[in-house]
Amino acid sequence: MTTDPITEPTAATGATAATGADDGWYVDDRCTNCDVVRQVAPDLFIEVGGRSELHHQPRDERELAQLHAAAYACHTRSVRHPSLRLDPALDPYPMELDDGLYFCGHNSTHTAAANAYLLKRPSGQVLMIDTPRWNAELATRYESLGPITDVLLTHRDHVAHGRRYADRYGARLWIHEGDLDAAPDADQVLRGLDPVEVADGVIAHPLPGHTEGSVLYVADDRYCFSGDSFYWCRTTDDIEVAEHVTWYSIEVLAASLARTAGRLRFEWLLAGHGDRRRLPADEMSRRMRDLAVRTQKLRPQPVDFTVHRW
């Protein structure tokens, strides 16, 4: 298995430069509109014509650091400069979001740019939820937070690198039986629809819909790692499902939410794709119940990334 590089030259080799490239930093035409740079640096990047573009050049050290955080998260390494390289000293990952909660950055082309997270437990052990790109140096960097004991996969779209990271750490690899064919060498297989405690204070909630084997992981009634089942949408300023990117069944997803939404309690929504948000648990609970009602009204749509708005 090849190793994805952490850094690469940011001259536009092999890619057509976007308009304004000669002015400094820019986003090249490999951008897939995955949204991660807009999540990480919303003041610097905007969506134009179904792709990310730089709103303005970094004006100070703070904005330069934000640009690097975005660039090191981008799965296609599309944040580039005609003559400069990214500065490894400004790679912020793993980035702490909350006490013991980290964003891995370094999203992978093999997981369609999915966000991955690390969660440190009171015991000192660390869980990896979905996976960043595989790189031995990154693996060592993540492990510096503590011994990584479990790699929790939310669904089939995010299985890439799971086995590699699990083997590197001697960790257990988890997936639901509905998506087991995508990771047949998983060590731990979740079955059925009942919640299961996979680690102290961490509950797996099977939520078929986006895929047959989609799973949520909720930790300490505080963190919800939702995979691709739902996310925080900046367009509507609310929790949404990606109805145009639901591979298995929007109707099954509606049934899953109707069954599960009322029992979920968390403050942080941490999605695989789409934005994250922290709100009081009571408000998140209300929004989840509302989402379940709205999703009941949806009907199957053709998969079409171009109509989706983050």
Protein backbone atom coordinates (compact mmCIF):
# COMPACT_ATOMS: atom_id res chain seq x y z
CA MET A 1 0.00 0.00 0.00
CA THR A 2 1.37 3.40 -0.92
CA THR A 3 1.90 6.19 1.55
CA ASP A 4 0.20 9.50 0.89
CA PRO A 5 2.62 12.39 1.36
CA ILE A 6 2.06 14.91 4.13
CA THR A 7 3.40 17.77 2.07
CA GLU A 8 4.10 18.38 -1.57
CA PRO A 9 5.28 21.32 -3.67
CA THR A 10 2.58 23.93 -4.05
CA ALA A 11 3.59 25.06 -7.53
CA ALA A 12 0.80 24.16 -9.94
CA THR A 13 2.54 21.16 -11.49
CA GLY A 14 0.07 18.95 -13.35
CA ALA A 15 -2.91 21.21 -12.59
CA THR A 16 -4.40 24.22 -14.22
CA ALA A 17 -4.05 27.25 -11.99
CA ALA A 18 -7.21 29.06 -10.98
CA THR A 19 -7.77 32.68 -11.93
CA GLY A 20 -5.63 34.91 -9.76
CA ALA A 21 -2.90 32.34 -9.14
CA ASP A 22 -0.22 34.87 -9.99
CA ASP A 23 -1.42 36.98 -7.07
CA GLY A 24 -0.35 34.40 -4.49
CA TRP A 25 -2.18 31.51 -2.82
CA TYR A 26 -5.09 29.97 -4.73
CA VAL A 27 -7.22 26.82 -5.03
CA ASP A 28 -6.39 24.72 -8.08
CA ASP A 29 -8.87 22.94 -10.33
CA ARG A 30 -8.59 19.59 -8.55
CA CYS A 31 -10.96 20.93 -5.88
CA THR A 32 -13.92 18.56 -5.38
CA ASN A 33 -15.98 21.00 -3.29
CA CYS A 34 -15.67 18.71 -0.26
CA ASP A 35 -16.06 21.81 1.96
CA VAL A 36 -13.26 21.06 4.41
CA VAL A 37 -11.26 24.25 3.74
CA ARG A 38 -14.40 26.31 4.33
CA GLN A 39 -14.96 24.47 7.60
CA VAL A 40 -11.43 25.10 8.80
CA ALA A 41 -10.98 28.68 7.52
CA PRO A 42 -14.44 30.15 6.82
CA ASP A 43 -13.13 33.72 6.71
CA LEU A 44 -10.62 32.89 3.97
CA PHE A 45 -12.45 30.46 1.68
CA ILE A 46 -15.81 30.76 -0.07
CA GLU A 47 -17.82 28.63 -2.49
CA VAL A 48 -17.97 29.90 -6.06
CA GLY A 49 -19.47 27.89 -8.89
CA GLY A 50 -19.44 24.58 -7.03
CA ARG A 51 -15.84 24.78 -5.76
CA SER A 52 -13.81 26.50 -3.08
CA GLU A 53 -11.98 29.72 -3.83
CA LEU A 54 -9.76 31.94 -1.73
CA HIS A 55 -11.67 35.08 -0.73
CA HIS A 56 -8.51 37.08 -0.07
CA GLN A 57 -4.81 36.55 0.51
CA PRO A 58 -3.77 36.00 4.15
CA ARG A 59 -3.23 39.42 5.72
CA ASP A 60 -1.44 38.49 8.93
CA GLU A 61 0.10 35.55 10.79
CA ARG A 62 -3.28 34.41 12.11
CA GLU A 63 -4.76 34.15 8.62
CA LEU A 64 -1.61 32.49 7.28
CA ALA A 65 -1.99 29.86 10.02
CA GLN A 66 -5.65 29.38 9.02
CA LEU A 67 -4.65 28.95 5.38
CA HIS A 68 -2.14 26.27 6.35
CA ALA A 69 -4.73 24.48 8.49
CA ALA A 70 -7.03 24.40 5.47
CA ALA A 71 -4.25 23.32 3.11
CA TYR A 72 -3.17 20.45 5.37
CA ALA A 73 -6.77 19.24 5.62
CA CYS A 74 -7.50 19.41 1.87
CA HIS A 75 -7.49 15.89 0.42
CA THR A 76 -6.32 16.98 -3.04
CA ARG A 77 -3.72 19.44 -1.69
CA SER A 78 -5.38 22.08 -3.86
CA VAL A 79 -4.38 25.12 -1.78
CA ARG A 80 -1.25 26.16 -3.59
CA HIS A 81 1.14 28.99 -4.44
CA PRO A 82 3.05 29.55 -7.69
CA SER A 83 6.43 29.61 -5.96
CA LEU A 84 6.09 28.80 -2.23
CA ARG A 85 5.77 25.53 -0.36
CA LEU A 86 3.57 24.88 2.64
CA ASP A 87 5.42 25.44 5.91
CA PRO A 88 5.51 22.17 7.93
CA ALA A 89 5.84 24.24 11.10
CA LEU A 90 2.32 25.52 10.46
CA ASP A 91 0.74 22.07 10.19
CA PRO A 92 -1.59 22.16 13.24
CA TYR A 93 -2.75 18.54 13.26
CA PRO A 94 -3.97 16.88 15.32
CA MET A 95 -5.95 20.04 16.17
CA GLU A 96 -7.59 20.16 19.60
CA LEU A 97 -11.27 21.13 19.40
CA ASP A 98 -12.20 20.43 23.02
CA ASP A 99 -10.62 18.79 26.03
CA GLY A 100 -9.49 15.41 24.67
CA LEU A 101 -11.16 15.89 21.27
CA TYR A 102 -8.98 16.34 18.17
CA PHE A 103 -9.52 16.81 14.44
CA CYS A 104 -6.99 14.70 12.51
CA GLY A 105 -6.83 16.90 9.39
CA HIS A 106 -4.96 15.37 6.42
CA ASN A 107 -8.20 14.14 4.84
CA SER A 108 -7.80 11.35 2.31
CA THR A 109 -8.77 11.07 -1.34
CA HIS A 110 -9.60 7.42 -0.57
CA THR A 111 -12.38 8.39 1.87
CA ALA A 112 -13.83 11.16 -0.35
CA ALA A 113 -12.22 13.73 1.95
CA ALA A 114 -13.96 12.55 5.12
CA ASN A 115 -13.12 14.21 8.42
CA ALA A 116 -11.52 11.95 11.02
CA TYR A 117 -11.23 12.50 14.76
CA LEU A 118 -9.33 11.35 17.84
CA LEU A 119 -10.98 11.09 21.25
CA LYS A 120 -8.87 10.70 24.37
CA ARG A 121 -10.54 8.82 27.20
CA PRO A 122 -10.09 9.38 30.96
CA SER A 123 -7.98 6.20 31.05
CA GLY A 124 -5.49 7.82 28.66
CA GLN A 125 -6.47 5.54 25.80
CA VAL A 126 -7.38 7.14 22.46
CA LEU A 127 -10.05 6.23 19.91
CA MET A 128 -9.76 7.09 16.20
CA ILE A 129 -13.11 7.71 14.50
CA ASP A 130 -12.80 7.16 10.75
CA THR A 131 -9.35 7.68 9.27
CA PRO A 132 -7.18 10.41 7.78
CA ARG A 133 -4.78 9.66 4.93
CA TRP A 134 -2.27 6.97 5.76
CA ASN A 135 1.24 8.20 6.50
CA ALA A 136 3.67 6.66 8.97
CA GLU A 137 4.79 10.05 10.26
CA LEU A 138 1.18 11.06 10.85
CA ALA A 139 0.50 7.76 12.61
CA THR A 140 3.33 8.49 15.03
CA ARG A 141 2.09 12.03 15.54
CA TYR A 142 -1.45 10.87 16.40
CA GLU A 143 -0.12 8.18 18.73
CA SER A 144 1.74 10.81 20.75
CA LEU A 145 -1.63 11.68 22.32
CA GLY A 146 -1.80 8.23 23.93
CA PRO A 147 -2.20 4.55 23.02
CA ILE A 148 -4.80 4.21 20.24
CA THR A 149 -6.87 1.15 21.11
CA ASP A 150 -9.79 1.30 18.69
CA VAL A 151 -10.49 2.50 15.15
CA LEU A 152 -14.24 3.12 14.82
CA LEU A 153 -15.54 3.14 11.24
CA THR A 154 -18.87 4.88 10.68
CA HIS A 155 -19.63 3.20 7.33
CA ARG A 156 -18.26 1.72 4.12
CA ASP A 157 -17.25 5.01 2.46
CA HIS A 158 -14.66 5.65 5.17
CA VAL A 159 -12.96 2.28 5.55
CA ALA A 160 -9.79 3.17 3.61
CA HIS A 161 -6.67 3.09 5.81
CA GLY A 162 -8.66 1.55 8.69
CA ARG A 163 -6.75 -1.73 8.62
CA ARG A 164 -3.43 0.05 8.18
CA TYR A 165 -3.97 2.30 11.20
CA ALA A 166 -5.38 -0.55 13.32
CA ASP A 167 -2.37 -2.74 12.55
CA ARG A 168 0.04 0.12 13.24
CA TYR A 169 -1.44 0.60 16.72
CA GLY A 170 -2.46 -2.98 17.51
CA ALA A 171 -6.00 -1.57 17.75
CA ARG A 172 -9.42 -3.12 17.25
CA LEU A 173 -11.17 -2.21 13.99
CA TRP A 174 -14.96 -1.78 14.23
CA ILE A 175 -17.66 -1.78 11.54
CA HIS A 176 -21.34 -2.74 11.28
CA GLU A 177 -22.32 -6.01 9.61
CA GLY A 178 -24.30 -4.09 6.99
CA ASP A 179 -21.04 -2.73 5.57
CA LEU A 180 -18.81 -5.66 6.52
CA ASP A 181 -18.09 -6.50 2.89
CA ALA A 182 -16.17 -3.20 2.68
CA ALA A 183 -13.94 -4.17 5.65
CA PRO A 184 -14.14 -7.96 5.93
CA ASP A 185 -11.02 -8.07 8.12
CA ALA A 186 -12.60 -5.97 10.89
CA ASP A 187 -11.91 -7.29 14.39
CA GLN A 188 -15.23 -6.22 15.90
CA VAL A 189 -18.55 -6.43 14.04
CA LEU A 190 -21.61 -4.54 15.25
CA ARG A 191 -24.86 -6.41 14.55
CA GLY A 192 -28.51 -5.51 14.47
CA LEU A 193 -30.04 -2.18 15.46
CA ASP A 194 -29.53 -2.05 19.22
CA PRO A 195 -27.02 0.39 20.76
CA VAL A 196 -23.74 -1.22 21.86
CA GLU A 197 -21.08 0.10 24.25
CA VAL A 198 -17.79 -0.17 22.33
CA ALA A 199 -15.62 1.52 24.97
CA ASP A 200 -16.20 3.02 28.38
CA GLY A 201 -18.78 5.77 27.85
CA VAL A 202 -18.85 5.33 24.06
CA ILE A 203 -22.05 3.96 22.50
CA ALA A 204 -22.48 2.80 18.89
CA HIS A 205 -25.95 3.50 17.50
CA PRO A 206 -26.64 1.63 14.23
CA LEU A 207 -28.33 4.07 11.85
CA PRO A 208 -28.85 2.46 8.44
CA GLY A 209 -29.80 4.80 5.64
CA HIS A 210 -26.80 6.58 4.13
CA THR A 211 -25.43 3.06 3.79
CA GLU A 212 -26.86 -0.19 5.08
CA GLY A 213 -24.25 -0.33 7.85
CA SER A 214 -24.00 3.31 8.90
CA VAL A 215 -23.28 3.88 12.60
CA LEU A 216 -23.18 6.85 14.99
CA TYR A 217 -20.75 6.88 17.90
CA VAL A 218 -21.82 8.97 20.91
CA ALA A 219 -19.37 9.56 23.76
CA ASP A 220 -20.20 10.79 27.25
CA ASP A 221 -23.51 12.32 26.08
CA ARG A 222 -21.24 15.03 24.68
CA TYR A 223 -19.80 14.06 21.31
CA CYS A 224 -21.71 12.61 18.35
CA PHE A 225 -19.59 11.28 15.48
CA SER A 226 -22.27 11.08 12.79
CA GLY A 227 -20.34 9.81 9.78
CA ASP A 228 -22.40 10.80 6.74
CA SER A 229 -25.81 10.26 8.33
CA PHE A 230 -26.34 13.96 9.17
CA TYR A 231 -24.27 17.11 9.55
CA TRP A 232 -24.43 20.81 10.42
CA CYS A 233 -25.46 22.75 7.32
CA ARG A 234 -24.32 26.37 7.05
CA THR A 235 -26.86 27.01 4.30
CA THR A 236 -29.85 26.28 6.57
CA ASP A 237 -28.07 26.83 9.91
CA ASP A 238 -29.42 23.51 11.15
CA ILE A 239 -28.80 19.76 11.26
CA GLU A 240 -29.54 18.15 7.89
CA VAL A 241 -29.30 14.86 6.06
CA ALA A 242 -27.59 14.80 2.66
CA GLU A 243 -30.60 13.53 0.75
CA HIS A 244 -28.89 13.75 -2.66
CA VAL A 245 -25.93 11.72 -1.38
CA THR A 246 -27.84 8.96 0.40
CA TRP A 247 -26.57 5.75 -1.18
CA TYR A 248 -28.80 3.13 0.45
CA SER A 249 -32.26 4.55 1.26
CA ILE A 250 -33.58 7.89 2.48
CA GLU A 251 -36.69 6.07 3.70
CA VAL A 252 -34.61 3.69 5.79
CA LEU A 253 -32.68 6.69 7.13
CA ALA A 254 -35.99 8.33 8.09
CA ALA A 255 -37.01 5.18 9.98
CA SER A 256 -33.61 5.06 11.70
CA LEU A 257 -33.90 8.66 12.84
CA ALA A 258 -37.47 8.12 14.05
CA ARG A 259 -36.23 5.19 16.13
CA THR A 260 -33.02 6.79 17.40
CA ALA A 261 -33.30 10.60 17.57
CA GLY A 262 -35.23 10.67 20.84
CA ARG A 263 -32.58 8.68 22.71
CA LEU A 264 -29.58 10.70 21.50
CA ARG A 265 -28.05 13.36 23.73
CA PHE A 266 -24.90 15.29 22.79
CA GLU A 267 -23.42 18.78 22.52
CA TRP A 268 -20.92 18.37 19.67
CA LEU A 269 -22.04 17.27 16.21
CA LEU A 270 -18.93 15.95 14.43
CA ALA A 271 -19.72 14.88 10.89
CA GLY A 272 -17.64 12.99 8.35
CA HIS A 273 -18.73 15.44 5.65
CA GLY A 274 -20.26 18.83 6.29
CA ASP A 275 -19.67 21.22 9.13
CA ARG A 276 -19.45 20.54 12.85
CA ARG A 277 -21.21 22.53 15.58
CA ARG A 278 -21.44 22.73 19.36
CA LEU A 279 -24.75 23.67 21.02
CA PRO A 280 -26.37 22.97 24.39
CA ALA A 281 -27.52 19.35 24.62
CA ASP A 282 -31.19 20.31 25.02
CA GLU A 283 -31.06 22.33 21.80
CA MET A 284 -29.31 19.54 19.92
CA SER A 285 -31.98 17.11 21.14
CA ARG A 286 -34.75 19.40 19.90
CA ARG A 287 -33.06 19.81 16.52
CA MET A 288 -32.59 16.05 16.19
CA ARG A 289 -36.29 15.45 16.83
CA ASP A 290 -37.15 18.09 14.24
CA LEU A 291 -34.74 16.46 11.78
CA ALA A 292 -36.46 13.11 12.25
CA VAL A 293 -39.81 14.71 11.39
CA ARG A 294 -38.43 16.52 8.31
CA THR A 295 -36.70 13.41 7.01
CA GLN A 296 -39.98 11.46 7.11
CA LYS A 297 -41.20 13.77 4.32
CA LEU A 298 -38.26 13.13 1.99
CA ARG A 299 -38.46 10.77 -0.96
CA PRO A 300 -35.68 9.01 -2.89
CA GLN A 301 -33.58 11.28 -5.11
CA PRO A 302 -30.89 10.41 -7.66
CA VAL A 303 -27.40 10.66 -6.22
CA ASP A 304 -26.14 14.04 -7.44
CA PHE A 305 -23.26 15.83 -5.77
CA THR A 306 -23.75 18.95 -7.88
CA VAL A 307 -27.07 19.90 -6.28
CA HIS A 308 -25.87 19.50 -2.70
CA ARG A 309 -25.18 22.66 -0.71
CA TRP A 310 -23.21 22.57 2.48
